[in-house]
Amino acid sequence: MPSTALATAADIAYWTGRPVGTIWRWASEGRITVYGHGKQARYDVMEINPAVRDEDGNVITPTPAPPVIGRVRIAAA
């Protein structure tokens, strides 16, 4: 079974170096799995590559958009 590490949209936005709106769009496009809904929605950190950052934590290269896999929402998270 693949491991999951669930995080909020804000946490995933930091992880990827992208805005929160991009994370919501990726979820609606079926690029990443959504666990729950509304303010309780969580996303799997293990499903998305991190941004490339320098030693000060500044984003050098944000994570490219994941491929579209089809919309997946897991209600009971």
C-alpha atoms as a PDB file:
ATOM      1  CA  MET A   1       0.000   0.000   0.000  1.00  0.00           C
ATOM      2  CA  PRO A   2       1.421   3.414  -0.939  1.00  0.00           C
ATOM      3  CA  SER A   3       2.060   5.743   1.958  1.00  0.00           C
ATOM      4  CA  THR A   4       0.188   9.016   2.374  1.00  0.00           C
ATOM      5  CA  ALA A   5       1.100  12.192   4.181  1.00  0.00           C
ATOM      6  CA  LEU A   6      -1.879  14.524   4.126  1.00  0.00           C
ATOM      7  CA  ALA A   7      -1.494  18.298   4.246  1.00  0.00           C
ATOM      8  CA  THR A   8      -3.593  21.416   3.701  1.00  0.00           C
ATOM      9  CA  ALA A   9      -3.648  23.348   0.433  1.00  0.00           C
ATOM     10  CA  ALA A  10      -1.458  26.028   2.043  1.00  0.00           C
ATOM     11  CA  ASP A  11       1.133  23.434   3.056  1.00  0.00           C
ATOM     12  CA  ILE A  12       1.117  21.881  -0.420  1.00  0.00           C
ATOM     13  CA  ALA A  13       1.441  25.357  -1.957  1.00  0.00           C
ATOM     14  CA  TYR A  14       4.613  25.934   0.058  1.00  0.00           C
ATOM     15  CA  TRP A  15       5.889  22.413  -0.773  1.00  0.00           C
ATOM     16  CA  THR A  16       5.465  23.023  -4.507  1.00  0.00           C
ATOM     17  CA  GLY A  17       6.374  26.710  -4.628  1.00  0.00           C
ATOM     18  CA  ARG A  18       2.983  27.440  -6.215  1.00  0.00           C
ATOM     19  CA  PRO A  19       0.000  29.565  -5.097  1.00  0.00           C
ATOM     20  CA  VAL A  20      -2.874  27.933  -3.202  1.00  0.00           C
ATOM     21  CA  GLY A  21      -5.166  28.594  -6.166  1.00  0.00           C
ATOM     22  CA  THR A  22      -2.939  26.402  -8.311  1.00  0.00           C
ATOM     23  CA  ILE A  23      -3.300  23.537  -5.840  1.00  0.00           C
ATOM     24  CA  TRP A  24      -7.098  23.892  -5.921  1.00  0.00           C
ATOM     25  CA  ARG A  25      -7.014  23.965  -9.741  1.00  0.00           C
ATOM     26  CA  TRP A  26      -4.779  20.879  -9.930  1.00  0.00           C
ATOM     27  CA  ALA A  27      -7.282  19.071  -7.689  1.00  0.00           C
ATOM     28  CA  SER A  28     -10.267  20.146  -9.800  1.00  0.00           C
ATOM     29  CA  GLU A  29      -8.456  19.122 -13.004  1.00  0.00           C
ATOM     30  CA  GLY A  30      -7.725  15.675 -11.571  1.00  0.00           C
ATOM     31  CA  ARG A  31      -3.960  16.161 -11.279  1.00  0.00           C
ATOM     32  CA  ILE A  32      -3.857  15.411  -7.531  1.00  0.00           C
ATOM     33  CA  THR A  33      -6.105  13.453  -5.165  1.00  0.00           C
ATOM     34  CA  VAL A  34      -8.364  15.337  -2.742  1.00  0.00           C
ATOM     35  CA  TYR A  35      -9.083  13.766   0.648  1.00  0.00           C
ATOM     36  CA  GLY A  36     -12.235  15.274   2.191  1.00  0.00           C
ATOM     37  CA  HIS A  37     -13.930  18.453   1.036  1.00  0.00           C
ATOM     38  CA  GLY A  38     -14.266  22.130   1.844  1.00  0.00           C
ATOM     39  CA  LYS A  39     -12.030  23.472   4.580  1.00  0.00           C
ATOM     40  CA  GLN A  40     -11.257  19.904   5.626  1.00  0.00           C
ATOM     41  CA  ALA A  41      -9.757  19.012   2.209  1.00  0.00           C
ATOM     42  CA  ARG A  42      -6.266  17.533   2.362  1.00  0.00           C
ATOM     43  CA  TYR A  43      -3.755  16.579  -0.310  1.00  0.00           C
ATOM     44  CA  ASP A  44      -1.070  13.877  -0.363  1.00  0.00           C
ATOM     45  CA  VAL A  45       2.466  15.282  -0.118  1.00  0.00           C
ATOM     46  CA  MET A  46       3.842  11.936  -1.361  1.00  0.00           C
ATOM     47  CA  GLU A  47       1.941  12.406  -4.648  1.00  0.00           C
ATOM     48  CA  ILE A  48       3.671  15.703  -5.556  1.00  0.00           C
ATOM     49  CA  ASN A  49       7.347  16.538  -6.039  1.00  0.00           C
ATOM     50  CA  PRO A  50       8.789  19.405  -3.983  1.00  0.00           C
ATOM     51  CA  ALA A  51       9.984  22.694  -5.454  1.00  0.00           C
ATOM     52  CA  VAL A  52      13.710  23.210  -5.901  1.00  0.00           C
ATOM     53  CA  ARG A  53      14.888  25.756  -3.315  1.00  0.00           C
ATOM     54  CA  ASP A  54      18.178  27.469  -2.528  1.00  0.00           C
ATOM     55  CA  GLU A  55      19.884  27.285   0.864  1.00  0.00           C
ATOM     56  CA  ASP A  56      17.799  30.242   2.102  1.00  0.00           C
ATOM     57  CA  GLY A  57      14.535  28.488   1.229  1.00  0.00           C
ATOM     58  CA  ASN A  58      13.728  30.643  -1.805  1.00  0.00           C
ATOM     59  CA  VAL A  59      12.077  28.868  -4.718  1.00  0.00           C
ATOM     60  CA  ILE A  60      14.422  28.344  -7.662  1.00  0.00           C
ATOM     61  CA  THR A  61      12.128  26.103  -9.708  1.00  0.00           C
ATOM     62  CA  PRO A  62       8.501  25.445  -8.729  1.00  0.00           C
ATOM     63  CA  THR A  63       7.058  21.976  -9.161  1.00  0.00           C
ATOM     64  CA  PRO A  64       5.773  21.366 -12.701  1.00  0.00           C
ATOM     65  CA  ALA A  65       2.090  20.486 -13.044  1.00  0.00           C
ATOM     66  CA  PRO A  66       1.430  16.774 -12.485  1.00  0.00           C
ATOM     67  CA  PRO A  67      -0.228  14.852 -15.317  1.00  0.00           C
ATOM     68  CA  VAL A  68      -4.023  14.607 -15.384  1.00  0.00           C
ATOM     69  CA  ILE A  69      -5.017  11.241 -13.886  1.00  0.00           C
ATOM     70  CA  GLY A  70      -8.729  11.879 -13.531  1.00  0.00           C
ATOM     71  CA  ARG A  71     -10.563  13.499 -10.671  1.00  0.00           C
ATOM     72  CA  VAL A  72     -10.297  11.532  -7.446  1.00  0.00           C
ATOM     73  CA  ARG A  73     -11.970  12.638  -4.222  1.00  0.00           C
ATOM     74  CA  ILE A  74     -11.826  10.455  -1.136  1.00  0.00           C
ATOM     75  CA  ALA A  75     -14.623  11.559   1.173  1.00  0.00           C
ATOM     76  CA  ALA A  76     -13.664   9.658   4.322  1.00  0.00           C
ATOM     77  CA  ALA A  77     -10.234  11.028   5.152  1.00  0.00           C
END
